[in-house]
């Protein structure tokens, strides 16, 4: 009678049939997550650094009525929603930006278009939390 001990198989040899597919699925999910988050943060950063947003934030911080209601400084408060299209040399921005000041919060709406580097603003409007609406371009047309 032979009483020899058989060497135990390695972990990989015992578990490769389930570890390989599970590891492959996790790898694919991680790659998809990295790609989606890269696209998301690239688009968000493009909206965040856009000329229309900077212009509108400067304009609302200079408006005495808005500053009187919301306090100073008024800044972005959360994630920007909207779109920023850039085809050839024509740009179109349509954004909804949550904003806050020391005393109140609200939403900034921006619609603008550009040919080259010259922007034309069609809407810069603030809706304060209590639903009061203030149009910043109204004064420009008077």
C-alpha atoms as a PDB file:
ATOM      1  CA  UNK A   1       0.000   0.000   0.000  1.00  0.00           C
ATOM      2  CA  UNK A   2       1.316   3.381  -1.073  1.00  0.00           C
ATOM      3  CA  UNK A   3       0.677   6.143   1.455  1.00  0.00           C
ATOM      4  CA  UNK A   4       2.165   9.017  -0.453  1.00  0.00           C
ATOM      5  CA  UNK A   5       0.742  12.503   0.043  1.00  0.00           C
ATOM      6  CA  UNK A   6      -0.303  14.205  -3.133  1.00  0.00           C
ATOM      7  CA  UNK A   7       0.811  17.832  -3.438  1.00  0.00           C
ATOM      8  CA  UNK A   8      -2.085  20.268  -3.265  1.00  0.00           C
ATOM      9  CA  UNK A   9      -2.869  22.148  -6.478  1.00  0.00           C
ATOM     10  CA  UNK A  10      -2.196  25.865  -6.527  1.00  0.00           C
ATOM     11  CA  UNK A  11      -5.026  28.341  -5.962  1.00  0.00           C
ATOM     12  CA  UNK A  12      -5.041  29.272  -9.649  1.00  0.00           C
ATOM     13  CA  UNK A  13      -5.276  25.658 -10.840  1.00  0.00           C
ATOM     14  CA  UNK A  14      -8.175  25.039  -8.463  1.00  0.00           C
ATOM     15  CA  UNK A  15     -10.155  28.233  -9.246  1.00  0.00           C
ATOM     16  CA  UNK A  16      -9.297  29.382 -12.769  1.00  0.00           C
ATOM     17  CA  UNK A  17     -12.656  28.327 -14.208  1.00  0.00           C
ATOM     18  CA  UNK A  18     -14.541  31.023 -12.283  1.00  0.00           C
ATOM     19  CA  UNK A  19     -11.714  33.497 -11.559  1.00  0.00           C
ATOM     20  CA  UNK A  20     -10.895  34.170 -15.210  1.00  0.00           C
ATOM     21  CA  UNK A  21     -14.434  35.209 -16.323  1.00  0.00           C
ATOM     22  CA  UNK A  22     -15.095  37.200 -13.128  1.00  0.00           C
ATOM     23  CA  UNK A  23     -11.738  38.980 -13.417  1.00  0.00           C
ATOM     24  CA  UNK A  24     -12.418  39.734 -17.083  1.00  0.00           C
ATOM     25  CA  UNK A  25     -15.848  41.188 -16.286  1.00  0.00           C
ATOM     26  CA  UNK A  26     -14.415  43.367 -13.510  1.00  0.00           C
ATOM     27  CA  UNK A  27     -11.680  44.592 -15.849  1.00  0.00           C
ATOM     28  CA  UNK A  28     -14.234  45.546 -18.525  1.00  0.00           C
ATOM     29  CA  UNK A  29     -16.398  47.335 -15.914  1.00  0.00           C
ATOM     30  CA  UNK A  30     -13.389  49.269 -14.599  1.00  0.00           C
ATOM     31  CA  UNK A  31     -12.394  50.339 -18.131  1.00  0.00           C
ATOM     32  CA  UNK A  32     -15.963  51.467 -18.896  1.00  0.00           C
ATOM     33  CA  UNK A  33     -16.070  53.399 -15.598  1.00  0.00           C
ATOM     34  CA  UNK A  34     -12.785  55.158 -16.363  1.00  0.00           C
ATOM     35  CA  UNK A  35     -13.918  56.118 -19.882  1.00  0.00           C
ATOM     36  CA  UNK A  36     -17.324  57.413 -18.715  1.00  0.00           C
ATOM     37  CA  UNK A  37     -15.845  59.410 -15.833  1.00  0.00           C
ATOM     38  CA  UNK A  38     -13.161  60.893 -18.103  1.00  0.00           C
ATOM     39  CA  UNK A  39     -15.802  62.062 -20.589  1.00  0.00           C
ATOM     40  CA  UNK A  40     -18.010  63.392 -17.778  1.00  0.00           C
ATOM     41  CA  UNK A  41     -15.235  65.392 -16.100  1.00  0.00           C
ATOM     42  CA  UNK A  42     -13.967  66.715 -19.445  1.00  0.00           C
ATOM     43  CA  UNK A  43     -17.404  68.054 -20.382  1.00  0.00           C
ATOM     44  CA  UNK A  44     -17.996  69.470 -16.888  1.00  0.00           C
ATOM     45  CA  UNK A  45     -14.626  71.196 -16.929  1.00  0.00           C
ATOM     46  CA  UNK A  46     -15.347  72.649 -20.386  1.00  0.00           C
ATOM     47  CA  UNK A  47     -18.639  74.136 -19.125  1.00  0.00           C
ATOM     48  CA  UNK A  48     -16.993  75.326 -15.918  1.00  0.00           C
ATOM     49  CA  UNK A  49     -14.243  77.226 -17.733  1.00  0.00           C
ATOM     50  CA  UNK A  50     -16.456  78.707 -20.439  1.00  0.00           C
ATOM     51  CA  UNK A  51     -16.531  82.403 -21.314  1.00  0.00           C
ATOM     52  CA  UNK A  52     -20.347  82.690 -20.982  1.00  0.00           C
ATOM     53  CA  UNK A  53     -20.277  81.362 -17.411  1.00  0.00           C
ATOM     54  CA  UNK A  54     -17.461  83.692 -16.365  1.00  0.00           C
ATOM     55  CA  UNK A  55     -19.210  86.666 -17.982  1.00  0.00           C
ATOM     56  CA  UNK A  56     -22.568  85.865 -16.354  1.00  0.00           C
ATOM     57  CA  UNK A  57     -21.039  85.344 -12.897  1.00  0.00           C
ATOM     58  CA  UNK A  58     -19.222  88.692 -13.166  1.00  0.00           C
ATOM     59  CA  UNK A  59     -22.438  90.357 -14.326  1.00  0.00           C
ATOM     60  CA  UNK A  60     -24.560  89.038 -11.445  1.00  0.00           C
ATOM     61  CA  UNK A  61     -21.869  89.958  -8.900  1.00  0.00           C
ATOM     62  CA  UNK A  62     -21.996  93.544 -10.231  1.00  0.00           C
ATOM     63  CA  UNK A  63     -25.809  93.784 -10.162  1.00  0.00           C
ATOM     64  CA  UNK A  64     -26.931  95.641  -7.003  1.00  0.00           C
ATOM     65  CA  UNK A  65     -30.411  94.071  -6.936  1.00  0.00           C
ATOM     66  CA  UNK A  66     -29.133  90.492  -7.087  1.00  0.00           C
ATOM     67  CA  UNK A  67     -26.294  91.169  -4.650  1.00  0.00           C
ATOM     68  CA  UNK A  68     -28.838  92.817  -2.326  1.00  0.00           C
ATOM     69  CA  UNK A  69     -30.938  89.638  -2.295  1.00  0.00           C
ATOM     70  CA  UNK A  70     -28.251  86.975  -2.338  1.00  0.00           C
ATOM     71  CA  UNK A  71     -25.253  88.713  -0.749  1.00  0.00           C
ATOM     72  CA  UNK A  72     -21.708  88.993  -2.063  1.00  0.00           C
ATOM     73  CA  UNK A  73     -19.936  87.048  -3.486  1.00  0.00           C
ATOM     74  CA  UNK A  74     -22.274  84.953  -5.580  1.00  0.00           C
ATOM     75  CA  UNK A  75     -20.660  81.782  -6.843  1.00  0.00           C
ATOM     76  CA  UNK A  76     -21.424  78.492  -8.534  1.00  0.00           C
ATOM     77  CA  UNK A  77     -22.958  75.936  -6.187  1.00  0.00           C
ATOM     78  CA  UNK A  78     -23.016  72.486  -7.724  1.00  0.00           C
ATOM     79  CA  UNK A  79     -23.056  70.860 -11.099  1.00  0.00           C
ATOM     80  CA  UNK A  80     -23.789  72.793 -14.279  1.00  0.00           C
ATOM     81  CA  UNK A  81     -26.519  71.417 -16.517  1.00  0.00           C
ATOM     82  CA  UNK A  82     -26.845  72.190 -20.189  1.00  0.00           C
ATOM     83  CA  UNK A  83     -24.893  72.028 -23.369  1.00  0.00           C
ATOM     84  CA  UNK A  84     -21.971  73.687 -25.072  1.00  0.00           C
ATOM     85  CA  UNK A  85     -21.751  73.001 -28.812  1.00  0.00           C
ATOM     86  CA  UNK A  86     -18.731  73.963 -30.852  1.00  0.00           C
ATOM     87  CA  UNK A  87     -18.948  73.368 -34.608  1.00  0.00           C
ATOM     88  CA  UNK A  88     -16.306  74.926 -36.847  1.00  0.00           C
ATOM     89  CA  UNK A  89     -16.065  78.470 -35.496  1.00  0.00           C
ATOM     90  CA  UNK A  90     -19.636  78.710 -34.156  1.00  0.00           C
ATOM     91  CA  UNK A  91     -20.379  78.089 -30.482  1.00  0.00           C
ATOM     92  CA  UNK A  92     -23.700  77.750 -28.693  1.00  0.00           C
ATOM     93  CA  UNK A  93     -24.074  77.634 -24.905  1.00  0.00           C
ATOM     94  CA  UNK A  94     -27.276  76.842 -23.031  1.00  0.00           C
ATOM     95  CA  UNK A  95     -26.614  76.392 -19.313  1.00  0.00           C
ATOM     96  CA  UNK A  96     -28.454  76.116 -16.022  1.00  0.00           C
ATOM     97  CA  UNK A  97     -26.125  76.856 -13.109  1.00  0.00           C
ATOM     98  CA  UNK A  98     -26.965  76.521  -9.401  1.00  0.00           C
ATOM     99  CA  UNK A  99     -25.621  79.586  -7.575  1.00  0.00           C
ATOM    100  CA  UNK A 100     -25.404  80.717  -3.967  1.00  0.00           C
ATOM    101  CA  UNK A 101     -24.573  83.800  -2.007  1.00  0.00           C
ATOM    102  CA  UNK A 102     -24.163  84.242   1.740  1.00  0.00           C
ATOM    103  CA  UNK A 103     -27.871  85.046   2.165  1.00  0.00           C
ATOM    104  CA  UNK A 104     -29.751  83.052  -0.485  1.00  0.00           C
ATOM    105  CA  UNK A 105     -29.407  80.638  -3.390  1.00  0.00           C
ATOM    106  CA  UNK A 106     -30.877  80.361  -6.840  1.00  0.00           C
ATOM    107  CA  UNK A 107     -30.332  79.324 -10.437  1.00  0.00           C
ATOM    108  CA  UNK A 108     -28.545  81.173 -13.221  1.00  0.00           C
ATOM    109  CA  UNK A 109     -29.751  80.593 -16.783  1.00  0.00           C
ATOM    110  CA  UNK A 110     -27.421  81.444 -19.669  1.00  0.00           C
ATOM    111  CA  UNK A 111     -28.050  81.280 -23.413  1.00  0.00           C
ATOM    112  CA  UNK A 112     -25.355  82.591 -25.703  1.00  0.00           C
ATOM    113  CA  UNK A 113     -23.837  82.071 -29.116  1.00  0.00           C
ATOM    114  CA  UNK A 114     -20.551  83.071 -30.697  1.00  0.00           C
ATOM    115  CA  UNK A 115     -18.849  83.347 -34.025  1.00  0.00           C
ATOM    116  CA  UNK A 116     -15.143  83.366 -33.456  1.00  0.00           C
ATOM    117  CA  UNK A 117     -14.387  84.928 -30.090  1.00  0.00           C
ATOM    118  CA  UNK A 118     -17.314  87.388 -29.984  1.00  0.00           C
ATOM    119  CA  UNK A 119     -20.173  86.197 -27.796  1.00  0.00           C
ATOM    120  CA  UNK A 120     -23.790  87.327 -28.133  1.00  0.00           C
ATOM    121  CA  UNK A 121     -25.899  86.805 -25.024  1.00  0.00           C
ATOM    122  CA  UNK A 122     -29.555  85.919 -25.539  1.00  0.00           C
ATOM    123  CA  UNK A 123     -30.416  85.238 -21.912  1.00  0.00           C
ATOM    124  CA  UNK A 124     -28.789  85.838 -18.554  1.00  0.00           C
ATOM    125  CA  UNK A 125     -31.463  85.322 -15.942  1.00  0.00           C
ATOM    126  CA  UNK A 126     -31.418  84.541 -12.231  1.00  0.00           C
ATOM    127  CA  UNK A 127     -34.245  82.809 -10.414  1.00  0.00           C
ATOM    128  CA  UNK A 128     -33.842  83.262  -6.670  1.00  0.00           C
ATOM    129  CA  UNK A 129     -34.995  80.485  -4.365  1.00  0.00           C
ATOM    130  CA  UNK A 130     -38.293  82.223  -3.569  1.00  0.00           C
ATOM    131  CA  UNK A 131     -39.057  82.187  -7.332  1.00  0.00           C
ATOM    132  CA  UNK A 132     -38.318  85.845  -7.996  1.00  0.00           C
ATOM    133  CA  UNK A 133     -36.939  86.162 -11.516  1.00  0.00           C
ATOM    134  CA  UNK A 134     -34.338  88.789 -12.440  1.00  0.00           C
ATOM    135  CA  UNK A 135     -33.320  89.341 -16.069  1.00  0.00           C
ATOM    136  CA  UNK A 136     -29.854  90.855 -16.414  1.00  0.00           C
ATOM    137  CA  UNK A 137     -30.090  91.545 -20.131  1.00  0.00           C
ATOM    138  CA  UNK A 138     -33.245  93.656 -19.714  1.00  0.00           C
ATOM    139  CA  UNK A 139     -31.135  96.704 -18.803  1.00  0.00           C
ATOM    140  CA  UNK A 140     -28.853  96.246 -21.824  1.00  0.00           C
ATOM    141  CA  UNK A 141     -31.745  96.822 -24.237  1.00  0.00           C
ATOM    142  CA  UNK A 142     -32.985 100.065 -22.633  1.00  0.00           C
END
